[in-house]
């Protein structure tokens, strides 16, 4: 089994399911989608509280316990009878760093330290078998980075788009005001109430969505490479833009000197890193 843990239950499943449908890729194992419905700092605090960092309990059992407390959160975790049935876990969360204020008591440095601890736990290849296979992907600053383009794709200016972490406006509001694309339709099919995709019979629209995905992928991969190496191109080595390197370079180049973050979406990077390129047509 492969487990996908999404921060939200709206945009993330539409993005993932449309990507799979458009490019006809299939995973080698049964997949389970779980919607965490809270942010990365809630995830960190939960992991800390349950003692996962200390090896006291595994992530899947914790997620099951937390899902049981929130009946309104749709979850298929009960399909997992034993944690060893899950070979890989992919987690998609927003960076969503906030300045310190009355509601947020943590400094930017303290927030980054929590995310770094998550990376160090999940990404360490020397960890025991129960913790191997967990991959954390981060949207900078939020999932809405998928449509932060100020003109129709391809928008090569995307390379330089950043978000001011000290901004009085939320990133969502800025995206709504400034983005060329006002919703997800340029990139995704709609969903039925059941969660299944509403596949369009409009071949022209389907082809346009496919082309937009290809452009989204190219722009985000090139930007990730630029963040990591100052080279705005498709990297020959996929590991040169792994998630922890991107995080470290975001801190070094943008967050520390200017309290900014380079806008970047995780889904094209997952696609580039994980999906067999030979299957993409």
Protein backbone atom coordinates (compact mmCIF):
# COMPACT_ATOMS: atom_id res chain seq x y z
CA UNK A 1 0.00 0.00 0.00
CA UNK A 2 1.02 3.60 -0.61
CA UNK A 3 -0.39 6.25 1.74
CA UNK A 4 -0.86 9.87 0.70
CA UNK A 5 -1.39 12.37 3.53
CA UNK A 6 -2.71 15.72 2.34
CA UNK A 7 -2.98 18.81 4.53
CA UNK A 8 -6.31 19.79 2.94
CA UNK A 9 -9.28 17.91 1.51
CA UNK A 10 -10.15 20.22 -1.40
CA UNK A 11 -7.36 21.32 -3.74
CA UNK A 12 -4.90 18.52 -3.01
CA UNK A 13 -7.09 15.57 -4.09
CA UNK A 14 -8.19 17.41 -7.24
CA UNK A 15 -4.59 18.10 -8.18
CA UNK A 16 -3.40 14.58 -7.51
CA UNK A 17 -6.34 12.78 -9.12
CA UNK A 18 -6.30 14.97 -12.23
CA UNK A 19 -2.55 14.51 -12.62
CA UNK A 20 -3.01 10.74 -12.51
CA UNK A 21 -5.93 10.80 -14.93
CA UNK A 22 -4.39 13.10 -17.52
CA UNK A 23 -1.06 11.29 -17.72
CA UNK A 24 -2.33 7.74 -17.19
CA UNK A 25 0.21 6.78 -14.59
CA UNK A 26 -0.51 4.02 -12.14
CA UNK A 27 1.24 3.21 -8.91
CA UNK A 28 2.45 -0.33 -8.37
CA UNK A 29 0.39 -0.75 -5.21
CA UNK A 30 -2.99 0.08 -3.76
CA UNK A 31 -3.18 3.71 -2.66
CA UNK A 32 -4.93 5.35 0.27
CA UNK A 33 -5.64 9.08 0.50
CA UNK A 34 -5.89 10.65 3.96
CA UNK A 35 -6.78 14.29 4.64
CA UNK A 36 -5.11 15.63 7.77
CA UNK A 37 -7.15 18.87 7.79
CA UNK A 38 -4.64 20.83 9.84
CA UNK A 39 -1.27 22.49 9.27
CA UNK A 40 2.30 21.27 9.48
CA UNK A 41 2.78 22.64 12.99
CA UNK A 42 -0.23 20.70 14.22
CA UNK A 43 1.36 17.64 12.63
CA UNK A 44 4.64 18.37 14.42
CA UNK A 45 2.94 18.88 17.80
CA UNK A 46 0.95 15.65 17.40
CA UNK A 47 4.06 13.68 16.48
CA UNK A 48 5.89 15.18 19.45
CA UNK A 49 3.03 14.48 21.85
CA UNK A 50 2.71 10.83 20.87
CA UNK A 51 6.46 10.23 21.05
CA UNK A 52 6.99 9.31 17.41
CA UNK A 53 10.35 11.09 17.37
CA UNK A 54 11.47 8.78 20.19
CA UNK A 55 10.29 5.65 18.38
CA UNK A 56 7.53 4.99 20.92
CA UNK A 57 4.76 4.62 18.33
CA UNK A 58 4.48 4.67 14.54
CA UNK A 59 2.89 7.36 12.40
CA UNK A 60 0.03 5.28 11.00
CA UNK A 61 -1.26 4.31 14.45
CA UNK A 62 -1.16 7.95 15.50
CA UNK A 63 -3.06 9.04 12.41
CA UNK A 64 -5.70 6.41 13.09
CA UNK A 65 -6.15 7.62 16.67
CA UNK A 66 -6.40 11.24 15.58
CA UNK A 67 -8.86 10.43 12.78
CA UNK A 68 -11.07 8.57 15.25
CA UNK A 69 -11.34 11.77 17.33
CA UNK A 70 -12.61 13.73 14.34
CA UNK A 71 -15.44 11.82 12.73
CA UNK A 72 -16.06 14.64 10.26
CA UNK A 73 -12.64 13.99 8.67
CA UNK A 74 -12.98 11.42 5.89
CA UNK A 75 -10.37 8.71 6.25
CA UNK A 76 -9.66 5.32 4.69
CA UNK A 77 -6.98 4.49 7.24
CA UNK A 78 -9.03 1.56 8.55
CA UNK A 79 -8.15 -0.23 5.33
CA UNK A 80 -4.64 -0.52 6.78
CA UNK A 81 -4.70 -3.44 9.18
CA UNK A 82 -0.98 -3.47 9.96
CA UNK A 83 1.55 -0.67 9.55
CA UNK A 84 3.97 -2.95 7.70
CA UNK A 85 1.43 -3.17 4.84
CA UNK A 86 2.35 0.41 3.90
CA UNK A 87 5.53 0.54 1.84
CA UNK A 88 5.64 4.30 1.24
CA UNK A 89 4.08 7.44 2.70
CA UNK A 90 3.91 10.75 0.84
CA UNK A 91 2.97 13.83 2.87
CA UNK A 92 1.98 17.17 1.31
CA UNK A 93 1.89 20.22 3.59
CA UNK A 94 2.19 23.99 3.31
CA UNK A 95 5.19 25.95 4.58
CA UNK A 96 2.74 28.60 5.90
CA UNK A 97 5.26 30.34 8.15
CA UNK A 98 3.69 33.28 9.98
CA UNK A 99 5.17 36.25 11.73
CA UNK A 100 5.05 36.28 15.50
CA UNK A 101 1.92 37.99 16.86
CA UNK A 102 -0.83 37.53 19.46
CA UNK A 103 -2.08 34.35 17.79
CA UNK A 104 1.26 32.91 16.75
CA UNK A 105 3.68 32.78 19.67
CA UNK A 106 6.58 31.24 17.73
CA UNK A 107 9.28 33.17 15.92
CA UNK A 108 10.06 32.35 12.30
CA UNK A 109 13.24 30.63 13.50
CA UNK A 110 11.27 28.43 15.92
CA UNK A 111 8.78 27.50 13.22
CA UNK A 112 11.58 26.57 10.82
CA UNK A 113 13.22 24.46 13.51
CA UNK A 114 10.06 22.37 13.81
CA UNK A 115 9.91 21.76 10.06
CA UNK A 116 13.61 20.88 10.00
CA UNK A 117 13.04 18.33 12.76
CA UNK A 118 10.30 16.73 10.64
CA UNK A 119 12.64 16.57 7.66
CA UNK A 120 15.43 15.09 9.73
CA UNK A 121 13.09 12.42 11.02
CA UNK A 122 11.39 11.50 7.77
CA UNK A 123 14.30 11.86 5.35
CA UNK A 124 17.06 10.03 7.21
CA UNK A 125 17.89 6.91 5.16
CA UNK A 126 19.54 5.26 8.17
CA UNK A 127 16.30 5.10 10.17
CA UNK A 128 14.75 1.73 10.98
CA UNK A 129 12.32 0.01 8.62
CA UNK A 130 9.17 1.37 10.26
CA UNK A 131 10.22 4.90 9.38
CA UNK A 132 11.74 4.35 5.96
CA UNK A 133 9.70 5.34 2.94
CA UNK A 134 8.20 8.52 4.43
CA UNK A 135 8.57 11.53 2.15
CA UNK A 136 7.55 15.08 3.10
CA UNK A 137 6.71 17.53 0.31
CA UNK A 138 6.18 21.22 1.04
CA UNK A 139 4.31 23.94 -0.88
CA UNK A 140 5.87 27.40 -0.54
CA UNK A 141 4.20 29.24 0.99
CA UNK A 142 0.92 27.36 0.47
CA UNK A 143 -0.92 24.99 -1.88
CA UNK A 144 -2.27 28.00 -3.81
CA UNK A 145 1.18 28.37 -5.36
CA UNK A 146 -0.21 26.14 -8.13
CA UNK A 147 -1.92 29.20 -9.65
CA UNK A 148 0.32 32.09 -8.70
CA UNK A 149 0.97 33.21 -12.25
CA UNK A 150 0.46 36.84 -13.22
CA UNK A 151 -0.04 36.01 -16.88
CA UNK A 152 -1.09 33.01 -18.90
CA UNK A 153 1.27 30.04 -18.93
CA UNK A 154 4.09 29.87 -19.69
CA UNK A 155 4.88 32.71 -17.27
CA UNK A 156 8.68 32.78 -17.12
CA UNK A 157 8.49 35.56 -14.53
CA UNK A 158 7.46 32.80 -12.10
CA UNK A 159 11.18 32.30 -11.53
CA UNK A 160 11.26 35.53 -9.50
CA UNK A 161 7.93 35.36 -7.68
CA UNK A 162 8.35 35.52 -3.92
CA UNK A 163 6.09 36.04 -0.93
CA UNK A 164 6.83 38.46 1.89
CA UNK A 165 6.40 36.58 5.16
CA UNK A 166 5.79 39.90 6.90
CA UNK A 167 2.92 40.81 4.58
CA UNK A 168 -0.30 42.02 6.15
CA UNK A 169 -2.16 40.22 3.36
CA UNK A 170 -2.43 36.46 3.34
CA UNK A 171 -0.93 34.58 0.42
CA UNK A 172 -4.40 33.32 -0.51
CA UNK A 173 -5.68 36.88 -0.81
CA UNK A 174 -2.68 37.95 -2.89
CA UNK A 175 -3.21 34.99 -5.22
CA UNK A 176 -6.90 35.84 -5.61
CA UNK A 177 -6.04 39.46 -6.42
CA UNK A 178 -2.99 39.03 -8.65
CA UNK A 179 -3.19 35.65 -10.35
CA UNK A 180 -4.16 35.30 -13.99
CA UNK A 181 -6.00 32.10 -13.03
CA UNK A 182 -8.93 32.67 -10.67
CA UNK A 183 -9.65 29.04 -9.85
CA UNK A 184 -8.40 25.50 -10.33
CA UNK A 185 -10.27 24.77 -13.57
CA UNK A 186 -7.29 25.59 -15.79
CA UNK A 187 -5.48 22.64 -14.22
CA UNK A 188 -8.07 20.24 -12.83
CA UNK A 189 -11.35 18.48 -13.37
CA UNK A 190 -14.07 18.91 -10.77
CA UNK A 191 -14.90 16.24 -8.19
CA UNK A 192 -18.16 14.43 -7.55
CA UNK A 193 -19.41 14.36 -3.94
CA UNK A 194 -18.03 10.82 -3.82
CA UNK A 195 -14.56 12.23 -4.45
CA UNK A 196 -14.32 10.79 -7.95
CA UNK A 197 -13.28 13.02 -10.83
CA UNK A 198 -15.85 14.49 -13.19
CA UNK A 199 -14.03 13.57 -16.38
CA UNK A 200 -14.71 16.09 -19.12
CA UNK A 201 -15.92 14.98 -22.57
CA UNK A 202 -14.41 18.16 -23.97
CA UNK A 203 -11.22 16.93 -25.63
CA UNK A 204 -9.95 20.47 -26.19
CA UNK A 205 -10.27 21.27 -22.48
CA UNK A 206 -8.58 18.01 -21.52
CA UNK A 207 -5.69 18.77 -23.88
CA UNK A 208 -5.40 22.30 -22.47
CA UNK A 209 -5.27 20.94 -18.91
CA UNK A 210 -2.54 18.53 -20.00
CA UNK A 211 -0.47 21.31 -21.56
CA UNK A 212 -0.91 23.48 -18.46
CA UNK A 213 0.36 20.62 -16.28
CA UNK A 214 3.43 20.21 -18.48
CA UNK A 215 4.17 23.93 -18.23
CA UNK A 216 3.53 23.94 -14.47
CA UNK A 217 5.93 21.05 -14.11
CA UNK A 218 8.68 22.67 -16.16
CA UNK A 219 8.46 26.04 -14.42
CA UNK A 220 8.48 24.58 -10.90
CA UNK A 221 11.33 22.16 -11.62
CA UNK A 222 13.47 24.89 -13.17
CA UNK A 223 12.69 27.22 -10.27
CA UNK A 224 13.52 24.54 -7.70
CA UNK A 225 16.86 24.05 -9.46
CA UNK A 226 17.42 27.81 -9.42
CA UNK A 227 16.65 27.95 -5.68
CA UNK A 228 19.12 25.14 -5.00
CA UNK A 229 21.93 25.94 -7.43
CA UNK A 230 21.22 29.34 -9.11
CA UNK A 231 20.85 27.44 -12.40
CA UNK A 232 17.45 28.00 -14.00
CA UNK A 233 17.19 24.74 -15.95
CA UNK A 234 15.95 21.16 -15.69
CA UNK A 235 18.49 19.34 -13.50
CA UNK A 236 20.20 16.20 -14.74
CA UNK A 237 20.25 14.81 -11.21
CA UNK A 238 16.83 14.72 -9.55
CA UNK A 239 18.39 14.55 -6.09
CA UNK A 240 19.86 18.02 -6.59
CA UNK A 241 16.37 19.42 -5.93
CA UNK A 242 15.26 17.08 -3.14
CA UNK A 243 12.84 18.50 -0.61
CA UNK A 244 15.26 19.05 2.25
CA UNK A 245 17.75 20.84 -0.01
CA UNK A 246 14.97 23.12 -1.24
CA UNK A 247 13.97 23.86 2.37
CA UNK A 248 17.55 24.60 3.43
CA UNK A 249 18.13 26.90 0.45
CA UNK A 250 14.83 28.71 0.99
CA UNK A 251 15.99 29.48 4.54
CA UNK A 252 19.49 30.49 3.45
CA UNK A 253 18.63 32.59 0.39
CA UNK A 254 15.22 34.04 1.13
CA UNK A 255 13.93 33.61 4.67
CA UNK A 256 16.94 34.65 6.75
CA UNK A 257 18.12 37.66 4.72
CA UNK A 258 14.74 39.06 3.63
CA UNK A 259 11.91 37.28 5.45
CA UNK A 260 10.69 36.10 2.05
CA UNK A 261 10.06 32.72 0.48
CA UNK A 262 10.26 31.73 -3.19
CA UNK A 263 6.86 30.57 -4.46
CA UNK A 264 6.98 26.87 -5.37
CA UNK A 265 4.48 24.03 -5.66
CA UNK A 266 5.19 20.49 -4.51
CA UNK A 267 3.03 18.46 -6.89
CA UNK A 268 5.17 18.98 -10.03
CA UNK A 269 8.23 18.07 -7.97
CA UNK A 270 6.61 14.87 -6.71
CA UNK A 271 5.73 14.05 -10.31
CA UNK A 272 9.29 14.72 -11.49
CA UNK A 273 10.93 12.85 -8.64
CA UNK A 274 8.68 9.86 -8.19
CA UNK A 275 6.72 9.00 -11.31
CA UNK A 276 8.51 6.94 -13.94
CA UNK A 277 9.21 9.41 -16.72
CA UNK A 278 8.82 6.69 -19.34
CA UNK A 279 5.14 6.39 -18.47
CA UNK A 280 4.39 10.06 -19.12
CA UNK A 281 3.09 10.55 -22.65
